[in-house]
Amino acid sequence: MNKKAKWSVCIGAAALLAAIAMEVCLFKADPRYAWAAFALEFVAAAAAVLFLASASGRLKWAAVFPLAASLVCAVWNIVFLAPVKGANFTEVIHAAGGGQYLNSYELAREYAAGREYMEIDFAFTADGALVCSHLFEYGGYSMQNKPTFEQFQNINFPGGVKGASAAQVMDLLHEFPDLRIVFDTKEENSLPVINELLRLAEAADIDLYSRMIVQLYSAEDLKALDGVPFREYWFTNYKANYSRRQIERYFGGDERVTTIVLSERNWVRKAYAGGVRGKKIAVHTVNDLRLAEFYARRGADFVYCDYGF
């Protein structure tokens, strides 16, 4: 093997190994690693071509696999990185804003101004009151050790804010007539939570069917709510982890399910090649504007964020 062939082997192998590392980072950390992976795959392919030109005899065949692998991965990344629309997206304020799953009424009022969508987590207290909480993370409580409503009201959250009750969400909807709530809950059965919200909304003279978007967590959830006339549902995939084919099978034919909500890792696996046919895509949770725009250019319509941009 001549010197040029040896150098091409070293460069190509190093580039290919580095490209594999970048592909792993793409799936595990940040999809923008695809740019680095693509560049390294290009170098690996060039080194393989150089080896083919400089090696002799059967040694040439040693370059076929790395060349093919580099080209296939590079084409995949070209498709992955190709923008399909502009960088515009709609914010969905996550857990009523402020990060840390606070679901605070004070922060909700602050973030609601000028925004159309706000996701809020709901849960029942130990004595059956409906409040805004993710997993009762604060005050030494949990979903297995829930506070009473009075105890919940006395919890001091980070930043000196207080947790919100579901009744205060109705006040929020009155104050901001353009605001829509994206419903989330970690209760095992979401139907009692939704029924209590509907009761509160009726008492407050709010049309919750048009003001709240119900997040579904499985195909069974949609069946369970079939007789409840909500105008819009979003399917969020963090529990069921359906494949794209399953998502299309379960929700593709139902116009009420308008949006598929994916975690960043889910988005890389399921949405990069055109998304889910006929549905909008939401990605959560992203607090980097440039990363949010990266998702938007590649098909995301909504981006969940803790603080807004």
C-alpha atoms as a PDB file:
ATOM      1  CA  MET A   1       0.000   0.000   0.000  1.00  0.00           C
ATOM      2  CA  ASN A   2       1.489   3.340  -1.012  1.00  0.00           C
ATOM      3  CA  LYS A   3       1.736   6.407   1.222  1.00  0.00           C
ATOM      4  CA  LYS A   4      -1.263   8.181  -0.335  1.00  0.00           C
ATOM      5  CA  ALA A   5      -3.467   5.124   0.217  1.00  0.00           C
ATOM      6  CA  LYS A   6      -2.330   4.855   3.844  1.00  0.00           C
ATOM      7  CA  TRP A   7      -3.162   8.507   4.503  1.00  0.00           C
ATOM      8  CA  SER A   8      -6.569   8.131   2.892  1.00  0.00           C
ATOM      9  CA  VAL A   9      -7.310   5.132   5.142  1.00  0.00           C
ATOM     10  CA  CYS A  10      -6.351   7.075   8.272  1.00  0.00           C
ATOM     11  CA  ILE A  11      -8.306  10.191   7.306  1.00  0.00           C
ATOM     12  CA  GLY A  12     -11.351   8.246   6.130  1.00  0.00           C
ATOM     13  CA  ALA A  13     -11.492   6.015   9.207  1.00  0.00           C
ATOM     14  CA  ALA A  14     -11.134   8.960  11.579  1.00  0.00           C
ATOM     15  CA  ALA A  15     -13.796  10.972   9.732  1.00  0.00           C
ATOM     16  CA  LEU A  16     -16.205   8.027   9.616  1.00  0.00           C
ATOM     17  CA  LEU A  17     -15.828   7.300  13.324  1.00  0.00           C
ATOM     18  CA  ALA A  18     -16.308  10.975  14.153  1.00  0.00           C
ATOM     19  CA  ALA A  19     -19.375  11.063  11.884  1.00  0.00           C
ATOM     20  CA  ILE A  20     -20.868   8.107  13.755  1.00  0.00           C
ATOM     21  CA  ALA A  21     -20.301   9.975  17.023  1.00  0.00           C
ATOM     22  CA  MET A  22     -22.073  13.012  15.571  1.00  0.00           C
ATOM     23  CA  GLU A  23     -24.998  10.858  14.431  1.00  0.00           C
ATOM     24  CA  VAL A  24     -25.333   9.538  17.990  1.00  0.00           C
ATOM     25  CA  CYS A  25     -25.272  13.110  19.318  1.00  0.00           C
ATOM     26  CA  LEU A  26     -27.908  14.027  16.744  1.00  0.00           C
ATOM     27  CA  PHE A  27     -30.329  11.501  18.229  1.00  0.00           C
ATOM     28  CA  LYS A  28     -29.365  11.949  21.871  1.00  0.00           C
ATOM     29  CA  ALA A  29     -28.615  15.650  22.250  1.00  0.00           C
ATOM     30  CA  ASP A  30     -29.077  18.248  19.520  1.00  0.00           C
ATOM     31  CA  PRO A  31     -30.251  17.666  15.920  1.00  0.00           C
ATOM     32  CA  ARG A  32     -27.934  20.401  14.703  1.00  0.00           C
ATOM     33  CA  TYR A  33     -25.074  17.906  15.076  1.00  0.00           C
ATOM     34  CA  ALA A  34     -26.287  16.756  11.652  1.00  0.00           C
ATOM     35  CA  TRP A  35     -24.249  19.598  10.114  1.00  0.00           C
ATOM     36  CA  ALA A  36     -21.021  18.213  11.623  1.00  0.00           C
ATOM     37  CA  ALA A  37     -21.972  14.653  10.721  1.00  0.00           C
ATOM     38  CA  PHE A  38     -22.588  15.663   7.111  1.00  0.00           C
ATOM     39  CA  ALA A  39     -19.213  17.436   6.846  1.00  0.00           C
ATOM     40  CA  LEU A  40     -17.366  14.435   8.296  1.00  0.00           C
ATOM     41  CA  GLU A  41     -19.213  12.022   6.025  1.00  0.00           C
ATOM     42  CA  PHE A  42     -18.158  14.133   3.056  1.00  0.00           C
ATOM     43  CA  VAL A  43     -14.522  13.908   4.215  1.00  0.00           C
ATOM     44  CA  ALA A  44     -14.841  10.136   4.719  1.00  0.00           C
ATOM     45  CA  ALA A  45     -16.309   9.710   1.232  1.00  0.00           C
ATOM     46  CA  ALA A  46     -13.535  11.831  -0.319  1.00  0.00           C
ATOM     47  CA  ALA A  47     -10.911   9.749   1.505  1.00  0.00           C
ATOM     48  CA  ALA A  48     -12.526   6.541   0.226  1.00  0.00           C
ATOM     49  CA  VAL A  49     -12.446   7.866  -3.347  1.00  0.00           C
ATOM     50  CA  LEU A  50      -8.781   8.811  -2.893  1.00  0.00           C
ATOM     51  CA  PHE A  51      -8.060   5.309  -1.651  1.00  0.00           C
ATOM     52  CA  LEU A  52      -9.821   3.807  -4.677  1.00  0.00           C
ATOM     53  CA  ALA A  53      -7.681   5.945  -6.969  1.00  0.00           C
ATOM     54  CA  SER A  54      -4.378   5.204  -5.245  1.00  0.00           C
ATOM     55  CA  ALA A  55      -4.699   1.573  -4.102  1.00  0.00           C
ATOM     56  CA  SER A  56      -4.213  -1.379  -6.401  1.00  0.00           C
ATOM     57  CA  GLY A  57      -5.720  -4.821  -6.892  1.00  0.00           C
ATOM     58  CA  ARG A  58      -8.065  -6.271  -4.316  1.00  0.00           C
ATOM     59  CA  LEU A  59      -7.247  -3.502  -1.843  1.00  0.00           C
ATOM     60  CA  LYS A  60      -9.624  -1.257  -3.778  1.00  0.00           C
ATOM     61  CA  TRP A  61     -12.559  -3.281  -2.460  1.00  0.00           C
ATOM     62  CA  ALA A  62     -11.726  -2.173   1.102  1.00  0.00           C
ATOM     63  CA  ALA A  63     -13.035   1.308   0.250  1.00  0.00           C
ATOM     64  CA  VAL A  64     -16.439   0.175  -1.004  1.00  0.00           C
ATOM     65  CA  PHE A  65     -18.167  -0.171   2.384  1.00  0.00           C
ATOM     66  CA  PRO A  66     -16.963   3.117   3.954  1.00  0.00           C
ATOM     67  CA  LEU A  67     -17.723   4.934   0.693  1.00  0.00           C
ATOM     68  CA  ALA A  68     -21.258   3.523   0.554  1.00  0.00           C
ATOM     69  CA  ALA A  69     -21.861   4.168   4.264  1.00  0.00           C
ATOM     70  CA  SER A  70     -20.606   7.741   3.998  1.00  0.00           C
ATOM     71  CA  LEU A  71     -22.748   8.505   0.960  1.00  0.00           C
ATOM     72  CA  VAL A  72     -25.916   6.958   2.423  1.00  0.00           C
ATOM     73  CA  CYS A  73     -25.525   8.856   5.707  1.00  0.00           C
ATOM     74  CA  ALA A  74     -24.665  12.089   3.890  1.00  0.00           C
ATOM     75  CA  VAL A  75     -27.810  11.820   1.740  1.00  0.00           C
ATOM     76  CA  TRP A  76     -29.858  11.108   4.889  1.00  0.00           C
ATOM     77  CA  ASN A  77     -28.495  14.277   6.466  1.00  0.00           C
ATOM     78  CA  ILE A  78     -29.178  16.322   3.331  1.00  0.00           C
ATOM     79  CA  VAL A  79     -32.839  15.268   3.601  1.00  0.00           C
ATOM     80  CA  PHE A  80     -32.800  15.874   7.352  1.00  0.00           C
ATOM     81  CA  LEU A  81     -31.315  19.350   7.067  1.00  0.00           C
ATOM     82  CA  ALA A  82     -33.313  20.550   4.074  1.00  0.00           C
ATOM     83  CA  PRO A  83     -35.697  23.351   5.139  1.00  0.00           C
ATOM     84  CA  VAL A  84     -39.327  22.913   4.143  1.00  0.00           C
ATOM     85  CA  LYS A  85     -40.672  26.283   5.298  1.00  0.00           C
ATOM     86  CA  GLY A  86     -39.679  29.498   7.011  1.00  0.00           C
ATOM     87  CA  ALA A  87     -38.513  29.898  10.603  1.00  0.00           C
ATOM     88  CA  ASN A  88     -41.912  31.080  11.850  1.00  0.00           C
ATOM     89  CA  PHE A  89     -43.585  29.088  14.625  1.00  0.00           C
ATOM     90  CA  THR A  90     -46.153  29.594  17.363  1.00  0.00           C
ATOM     91  CA  GLU A  91     -45.079  29.464  21.002  1.00  0.00           C
ATOM     92  CA  VAL A  92     -46.831  27.223  23.491  1.00  0.00           C
ATOM     93  CA  ILE A  93     -45.929  28.398  26.996  1.00  0.00           C
ATOM     94  CA  HIS A  94     -45.006  25.248  28.902  1.00  0.00           C
ATOM     95  CA  ALA A  95     -46.447  24.575  32.394  1.00  0.00           C
ATOM     96  CA  ALA A  96     -47.755  28.161  32.592  1.00  0.00           C
ATOM     97  CA  GLY A  97     -44.249  29.600  32.164  1.00  0.00           C
ATOM     98  CA  GLY A  98     -41.161  30.185  34.246  1.00  0.00           C
ATOM     99  CA  GLY A  99     -39.666  26.701  33.963  1.00  0.00           C
ATOM    100  CA  GLN A 100     -39.505  24.156  36.796  1.00  0.00           C
ATOM    101  CA  TYR A 101     -43.141  23.052  36.234  1.00  0.00           C
ATOM    102  CA  LEU A 102     -44.407  25.841  38.472  1.00  0.00           C
ATOM    103  CA  ASN A 103     -47.906  26.174  36.942  1.00  0.00           C
ATOM    104  CA  SER A 104     -48.218  29.450  38.823  1.00  0.00           C
ATOM    105  CA  TYR A 105     -51.150  31.805  38.374  1.00  0.00           C
ATOM    106  CA  GLU A 106     -48.909  34.889  38.692  1.00  0.00           C
ATOM    107  CA  LEU A 107     -46.574  33.628  35.948  1.00  0.00           C
ATOM    108  CA  ALA A 108     -49.496  32.462  33.807  1.00  0.00           C
ATOM    109  CA  ARG A 109     -50.936  35.997  33.836  1.00  0.00           C
ATOM    110  CA  GLU A 110     -47.534  37.406  32.926  1.00  0.00           C
ATOM    111  CA  TYR A 111     -46.918  35.026  30.024  1.00  0.00           C
ATOM    112  CA  ALA A 112     -50.494  35.027  28.714  1.00  0.00           C
ATOM    113  CA  ALA A 113     -50.305  38.624  27.499  1.00  0.00           C
ATOM    114  CA  GLY A 114     -50.145  38.599  23.723  1.00  0.00           C
ATOM    115  CA  ARG A 115     -49.969  34.820  23.434  1.00  0.00           C
ATOM    116  CA  GLU A 116     -52.489  32.330  22.140  1.00  0.00           C
ATOM    117  CA  TYR A 117     -51.435  28.993  23.654  1.00  0.00           C
ATOM    118  CA  MET A 118     -50.483  27.967  27.179  1.00  0.00           C
ATOM    119  CA  GLU A 119     -50.009  24.426  28.414  1.00  0.00           C
ATOM    120  CA  ILE A 120     -51.077  23.799  32.015  1.00  0.00           C
ATOM    121  CA  ASP A 121     -50.799  20.644  34.126  1.00  0.00           C
ATOM    122  CA  PHE A 122     -53.766  19.653  36.284  1.00  0.00           C
ATOM    123  CA  ALA A 123     -54.022  17.297  39.267  1.00  0.00           C
ATOM    124  CA  PHE A 124     -56.365  16.560  42.156  1.00  0.00           C
ATOM    125  CA  THR A 125     -55.322  17.321  45.719  1.00  0.00           C
ATOM    126  CA  ALA A 126     -55.785  14.750  48.475  1.00  0.00           C
ATOM    127  CA  ASP A 127     -59.223  16.195  49.265  1.00  0.00           C
ATOM    128  CA  GLY A 128     -60.380  16.271  45.647  1.00  0.00           C
ATOM    129  CA  ALA A 129     -59.769  19.893  44.645  1.00  0.00           C
ATOM    130  CA  LEU A 130     -58.447  20.426  41.129  1.00  0.00           C
ATOM    131  CA  VAL A 131     -55.255  22.494  40.997  1.00  0.00           C
ATOM    132  CA  CYS A 132     -52.477  23.258  38.538  1.00  0.00           C
ATOM    133  CA  SER A 133     -49.593  20.948  39.280  1.00  0.00           C
ATOM    134  CA  HIS A 134     -47.303  18.639  37.369  1.00  0.00           C
ATOM    135  CA  LEU A 135     -46.377  16.040  40.013  1.00  0.00           C
ATOM    136  CA  PHE A 136     -46.729  18.013  43.269  1.00  0.00           C
ATOM    137  CA  GLU A 137     -42.958  18.500  43.204  1.00  0.00           C
ATOM    138  CA  TYR A 138     -42.822  21.204  45.879  1.00  0.00           C
ATOM    139  CA  GLY A 139     -43.358  21.301  49.635  1.00  0.00           C
ATOM    140  CA  GLY A 140     -42.322  17.694  50.198  1.00  0.00           C
ATOM    141  CA  TYR A 141     -45.342  16.270  48.369  1.00  0.00           C
ATOM    142  CA  SER A 142     -45.735  13.918  45.401  1.00  0.00           C
ATOM    143  CA  MET A 143     -48.462  12.172  43.407  1.00  0.00           C
ATOM    144  CA  GLN A 144     -48.320   9.397  46.021  1.00  0.00           C
ATOM    145  CA  ASN A 145     -48.366  11.884  48.909  1.00  0.00           C
ATOM    146  CA  LYS A 146     -50.662  14.659  47.749  1.00  0.00           C
ATOM    147  CA  PRO A 147     -51.339  17.805  49.771  1.00  0.00           C
ATOM    148  CA  THR A 148     -54.817  18.930  50.715  1.00  0.00           C
ATOM    149  CA  PHE A 149     -56.045  22.039  48.944  1.00  0.00           C
ATOM    150  CA  GLU A 150     -55.210  24.181  51.993  1.00  0.00           C
ATOM    151  CA  GLN A 151     -51.708  22.711  52.159  1.00  0.00           C
ATOM    152  CA  PHE A 152     -51.249  23.316  48.435  1.00  0.00           C
ATOM    153  CA  GLN A 153     -52.190  26.981  48.829  1.00  0.00           C
ATOM    154  CA  ASN A 154     -49.498  27.391  51.489  1.00  0.00           C
ATOM    155  CA  ILE A 155     -46.620  25.880  49.489  1.00  0.00           C
ATOM    156  CA  ASN A 156     -43.864  28.359  48.687  1.00  0.00           C
ATOM    157  CA  PHE A 157     -42.703  27.775  45.127  1.00  0.00           C
ATOM    158  CA  PRO A 158     -39.308  28.898  43.763  1.00  0.00           C
ATOM    159  CA  GLY A 159     -39.316  32.613  43.076  1.00  0.00           C
ATOM    160  CA  GLY A 160     -41.936  33.300  45.739  1.00  0.00           C
ATOM    161  CA  VAL A 161     -44.917  32.448  43.510  1.00  0.00           C
ATOM    162  CA  LYS A 162     -47.913  30.347  44.489  1.00  0.00           C
ATOM    163  CA  GLY A 163     -49.562  27.448  42.732  1.00  0.00           C
ATOM    164  CA  ALA A 164     -52.798  28.007  40.846  1.00  0.00           C
ATOM    165  CA  SER A 165     -56.194  26.440  41.274  1.00  0.00           C
ATOM    166  CA  ALA A 166     -58.257  25.265  38.310  1.00  0.00           C
ATOM    167  CA  ALA A 167     -60.776  27.992  39.187  1.00  0.00           C
ATOM    168  CA  GLN A 168     -58.051  30.600  38.646  1.00  0.00           C
ATOM    169  CA  VAL A 169     -57.523  29.198  35.145  1.00  0.00           C
ATOM    170  CA  MET A 170     -61.122  30.215  34.421  1.00  0.00           C
ATOM    171  CA  ASP A 171     -60.241  33.731  35.612  1.00  0.00           C
ATOM    172  CA  LEU A 172     -57.290  33.654  33.219  1.00  0.00           C
ATOM    173  CA  LEU A 173     -59.531  32.679  30.305  1.00  0.00           C
ATOM    174  CA  HIS A 174     -61.878  35.546  31.148  1.00  0.00           C
ATOM    175  CA  GLU A 175     -59.025  38.048  31.325  1.00  0.00           C
ATOM    176  CA  PHE A 176     -57.385  36.912  28.065  1.00  0.00           C
ATOM    177  CA  PRO A 177     -60.153  36.088  25.559  1.00  0.00           C
ATOM    178  CA  ASP A 178     -57.685  34.998  22.851  1.00  0.00           C
ATOM    179  CA  LEU A 179     -55.887  32.523  25.120  1.00  0.00           C
ATOM    180  CA  ARG A 180     -56.335  28.786  24.669  1.00  0.00           C
ATOM    181  CA  ILE A 181     -55.298  26.220  27.272  1.00  0.00           C
ATOM    182  CA  VAL A 182     -53.456  23.068  26.233  1.00  0.00           C
ATOM    183  CA  PHE A 183     -54.486  20.467  28.776  1.00  0.00           C
ATOM    184  CA  ASP A 184     -52.009  18.084  30.406  1.00  0.00           C
ATOM    185  CA  THR A 185     -52.286  15.798  33.419  1.00  0.00           C
ATOM    186  CA  LYS A 186     -50.288  13.046  35.062  1.00  0.00           C
ATOM    187  CA  GLU A 187     -53.382  11.544  36.686  1.00  0.00           C
ATOM    188  CA  GLU A 188     -53.882   7.951  35.553  1.00  0.00           C
ATOM    189  CA  ASN A 189     -57.354   8.764  34.238  1.00  0.00           C
ATOM    190  CA  SER A 190     -57.727  12.138  32.565  1.00  0.00           C
ATOM    191  CA  LEU A 191     -61.533  11.986  32.181  1.00  0.00           C
ATOM    192  CA  PRO A 192     -62.405  13.016  35.786  1.00  0.00           C
ATOM    193  CA  VAL A 193     -59.968  15.936  35.462  1.00  0.00           C
ATOM    194  CA  ILE A 194     -61.592  17.063  32.204  1.00  0.00           C
ATOM    195  CA  ASN A 195     -65.098  16.681  33.657  1.00  0.00           C
ATOM    196  CA  GLU A 196     -64.183  18.867  36.643  1.00  0.00           C
ATOM    197  CA  LEU A 197     -62.736  21.512  34.314  1.00  0.00           C
ATOM    198  CA  LEU A 198     -65.950  21.456  32.289  1.00  0.00           C
ATOM    199  CA  ARG A 199     -67.982  21.915  35.482  1.00  0.00           C
ATOM    200  CA  LEU A 200     -65.876  24.894  36.525  1.00  0.00           C
ATOM    201  CA  ALA A 201     -66.063  26.380  33.028  1.00  0.00           C
ATOM    202  CA  GLU A 202     -69.836  26.087  32.930  1.00  0.00           C
ATOM    203  CA  ALA A 203     -70.085  27.860  36.284  1.00  0.00           C
ATOM    204  CA  ALA A 204     -67.790  30.603  34.950  1.00  0.00           C
ATOM    205  CA  ASP A 205     -69.710  30.880  31.648  1.00  0.00           C
ATOM    206  CA  ILE A 206     -66.709  29.822  29.537  1.00  0.00           C
ATOM    207  CA  ASP A 207     -66.970  27.690  26.418  1.00  0.00           C
ATOM    208  CA  LEU A 208     -64.171  25.294  27.313  1.00  0.00           C
ATOM    209  CA  TYR A 209     -64.876  23.116  24.281  1.00  0.00           C
ATOM    210  CA  SER A 210     -63.370  25.821  22.082  1.00  0.00           C
ATOM    211  CA  ARG A 211     -60.936  27.337  24.604  1.00  0.00           C
ATOM    212  CA  MET A 212     -59.136  24.151  25.700  1.00  0.00           C
ATOM    213  CA  ILE A 213     -57.137  21.760  23.556  1.00  0.00           C
ATOM    214  CA  VAL A 214     -57.067  18.300  25.072  1.00  0.00           C
ATOM    215  CA  GLN A 215     -53.786  16.439  24.789  1.00  0.00           C
ATOM    216  CA  LEU A 216     -54.315  12.749  24.111  1.00  0.00           C
ATOM    217  CA  TYR A 217     -51.787  10.185  25.269  1.00  0.00           C
ATOM    218  CA  SER A 218     -53.063   7.120  23.395  1.00  0.00           C
ATOM    219  CA  ALA A 219     -55.621   5.971  20.851  1.00  0.00           C
ATOM    220  CA  GLU A 220     -57.758   4.785  23.784  1.00  0.00           C
ATOM    221  CA  ASP A 221     -57.936   8.357  25.108  1.00  0.00           C
ATOM    222  CA  LEU A 222     -59.557   9.516  21.886  1.00  0.00           C
ATOM    223  CA  LYS A 223     -62.150   6.741  22.111  1.00  0.00           C
ATOM    224  CA  ALA A 224     -62.875   7.598  25.747  1.00  0.00           C
ATOM    225  CA  LEU A 225     -63.563  11.234  24.798  1.00  0.00           C
ATOM    226  CA  ASP A 226     -65.522  10.441  21.656  1.00  0.00           C
ATOM    227  CA  GLY A 227     -68.795  11.801  23.038  1.00  0.00           C
ATOM    228  CA  VAL A 228     -67.231  14.985  24.455  1.00  0.00           C
ATOM    229  CA  PRO A 229     -67.486  17.774  21.842  1.00  0.00           C
ATOM    230  CA  PHE A 230     -64.057  19.381  22.094  1.00  0.00           C
ATOM    231  CA  ARG A 231     -63.176  21.110  18.852  1.00  0.00           C
ATOM    232  CA  GLU A 232     -59.497  20.179  18.849  1.00  0.00           C
ATOM    233  CA  TYR A 233     -57.186  17.498  20.175  1.00  0.00           C
ATOM    234  CA  TRP A 234     -53.400  17.208  20.125  1.00  0.00           C
ATOM    235  CA  PHE A 235     -51.763  13.806  20.445  1.00  0.00           C
ATOM    236  CA  THR A 236     -48.625  13.904  22.580  1.00  0.00           C
ATOM    237  CA  ASN A 237     -46.385  10.894  22.132  1.00  0.00           C
ATOM    238  CA  TYR A 238     -44.243  10.782  25.271  1.00  0.00           C
ATOM    239  CA  LYS A 239     -46.224   7.957  26.930  1.00  0.00           C
ATOM    240  CA  ALA A 240     -47.287   5.699  24.063  1.00  0.00           C
ATOM    241  CA  ASN A 241     -44.190   6.288  21.900  1.00  0.00           C
ATOM    242  CA  TYR A 242     -46.076   5.241  18.772  1.00  0.00           C
ATOM    243  CA  SER A 243     -44.280   4.869  15.480  1.00  0.00           C
ATOM    244  CA  ARG A 244     -45.176   7.302  12.727  1.00  0.00           C
ATOM    245  CA  ARG A 245     -47.186   4.566  11.006  1.00  0.00           C
ATOM    246  CA  GLN A 246     -49.180   3.961  14.207  1.00  0.00           C
ATOM    247  CA  ILE A 247     -49.830   7.691  14.634  1.00  0.00           C
ATOM    248  CA  GLU A 248     -51.182   7.881  11.102  1.00  0.00           C
ATOM    249  CA  ARG A 249     -53.308   4.764  11.638  1.00  0.00           C
ATOM    250  CA  TYR A 250     -54.861   5.931  14.911  1.00  0.00           C
ATOM    251  CA  PHE A 251     -55.265   9.653  14.267  1.00  0.00           C
ATOM    252  CA  GLY A 252     -54.704  10.306  10.556  1.00  0.00           C
ATOM    253  CA  GLY A 253     -58.390  10.039   9.668  1.00  0.00           C
ATOM    254  CA  ASP A 254     -59.708  12.187  12.503  1.00  0.00           C
ATOM    255  CA  GLU A 255     -59.781  15.896  11.671  1.00  0.00           C
ATOM    256  CA  ARG A 256     -60.254  16.832  15.335  1.00  0.00           C
ATOM    257  CA  VAL A 257     -56.698  15.640  16.027  1.00  0.00           C
ATOM    258  CA  THR A 258     -54.886  18.528  14.407  1.00  0.00           C
ATOM    259  CA  THR A 259     -51.399  18.328  15.906  1.00  0.00           C
ATOM    260  CA  ILE A 260     -48.813  15.716  16.890  1.00  0.00           C
ATOM    261  CA  VAL A 261     -46.705  16.737  19.900  1.00  0.00           C
ATOM    262  CA  LEU A 262     -43.208  15.234  19.951  1.00  0.00           C
ATOM    263  CA  SER A 263     -40.241  15.491  22.267  1.00  0.00           C
ATOM    264  CA  GLU A 264     -37.023  16.594  20.600  1.00  0.00           C
ATOM    265  CA  ARG A 265     -35.801  12.993  20.387  1.00  0.00           C
ATOM    266  CA  ASN A 266     -39.170  11.841  19.064  1.00  0.00           C
ATOM    267  CA  TRP A 267     -39.054  14.565  16.430  1.00  0.00           C
ATOM    268  CA  VAL A 268     -35.709  13.352  15.105  1.00  0.00           C
ATOM    269  CA  ARG A 269     -37.059   9.834  14.701  1.00  0.00           C
ATOM    270  CA  LYS A 270     -40.574  10.496  13.469  1.00  0.00           C
ATOM    271  CA  ALA A 271     -40.938  13.939  11.948  1.00  0.00           C
ATOM    272  CA  TYR A 272     -37.839  14.819   9.972  1.00  0.00           C
ATOM    273  CA  ALA A 273     -39.013  13.223   6.712  1.00  0.00           C
ATOM    274  CA  GLY A 274     -42.167  15.210   6.208  1.00  0.00           C
ATOM    275  CA  GLY A 275     -43.930  14.789   9.533  1.00  0.00           C
ATOM    276  CA  VAL A 276     -47.279  13.055   9.863  1.00  0.00           C
ATOM    277  CA  ARG A 277     -49.475  13.498   6.847  1.00  0.00           C
ATOM    278  CA  GLY A 278     -52.191  16.125   7.295  1.00  0.00           C
ATOM    279  CA  LYS A 279     -51.152  17.053  10.835  1.00  0.00           C
ATOM    280  CA  LYS A 280     -49.263  19.936  12.346  1.00  0.00           C
ATOM    281  CA  ILE A 281     -46.168  19.224  14.442  1.00  0.00           C
ATOM    282  CA  ALA A 282     -45.297  20.583  17.896  1.00  0.00           C
ATOM    283  CA  VAL A 283     -41.903  20.048  19.537  1.00  0.00           C
ATOM    284  CA  HIS A 284     -41.174  20.258  23.272  1.00  0.00           C
ATOM    285  CA  THR A 285     -39.496  21.715  25.278  1.00  0.00           C
ATOM    286  CA  VAL A 286     -37.101  24.186  23.611  1.00  0.00           C
ATOM    287  CA  ASN A 287     -35.705  27.379  25.157  1.00  0.00           C
ATOM    288  CA  ASP A 288     -33.066  28.169  22.533  1.00  0.00           C
ATOM    289  CA  LEU A 289     -34.484  30.452  19.819  1.00  0.00           C
ATOM    290  CA  ARG A 290     -32.078  29.252  17.128  1.00  0.00           C
ATOM    291  CA  LEU A 291     -32.923  25.629  17.885  1.00  0.00           C
ATOM    292  CA  ALA A 292     -36.637  26.468  17.828  1.00  0.00           C
ATOM    293  CA  GLU A 293     -36.147  28.059  14.400  1.00  0.00           C
ATOM    294  CA  PHE A 294     -34.215  24.961  13.273  1.00  0.00           C
ATOM    295  CA  TYR A 295     -37.271  22.821  14.079  1.00  0.00           C
ATOM    296  CA  ALA A 296     -39.611  25.360  12.487  1.00  0.00           C
ATOM    297  CA  ARG A 297     -37.703  25.401   9.187  1.00  0.00           C
ATOM    298  CA  ARG A 298     -38.022  21.624   9.118  1.00  0.00           C
ATOM    299  CA  GLY A 299     -41.746  21.486   9.641  1.00  0.00           C
ATOM    300  CA  ALA A 300     -42.579  22.333  13.272  1.00  0.00           C
ATOM    301  CA  ASP A 301     -45.618  24.576  13.604  1.00  0.00           C
ATOM    302  CA  PHE A 302     -45.535  24.902  17.402  1.00  0.00           C
ATOM    303  CA  VAL A 303     -42.676  24.957  19.906  1.00  0.00           C
ATOM    304  CA  TYR A 304     -43.262  24.489  23.618  1.00  0.00           C
ATOM    305  CA  CYS A 305     -41.031  26.834  25.639  1.00  0.00           C
ATOM    306  CA  ASP A 306     -40.686  27.710  29.320  1.00  0.00           C
ATOM    307  CA  TYR A 307     -40.058  31.427  28.993  1.00  0.00           C
ATOM    308  CA  GLY A 308     -41.167  32.593  25.560  1.00  0.00           C
ATOM    309  CA  PHE A 309     -38.907  34.150  22.940  1.00  0.00           C
END
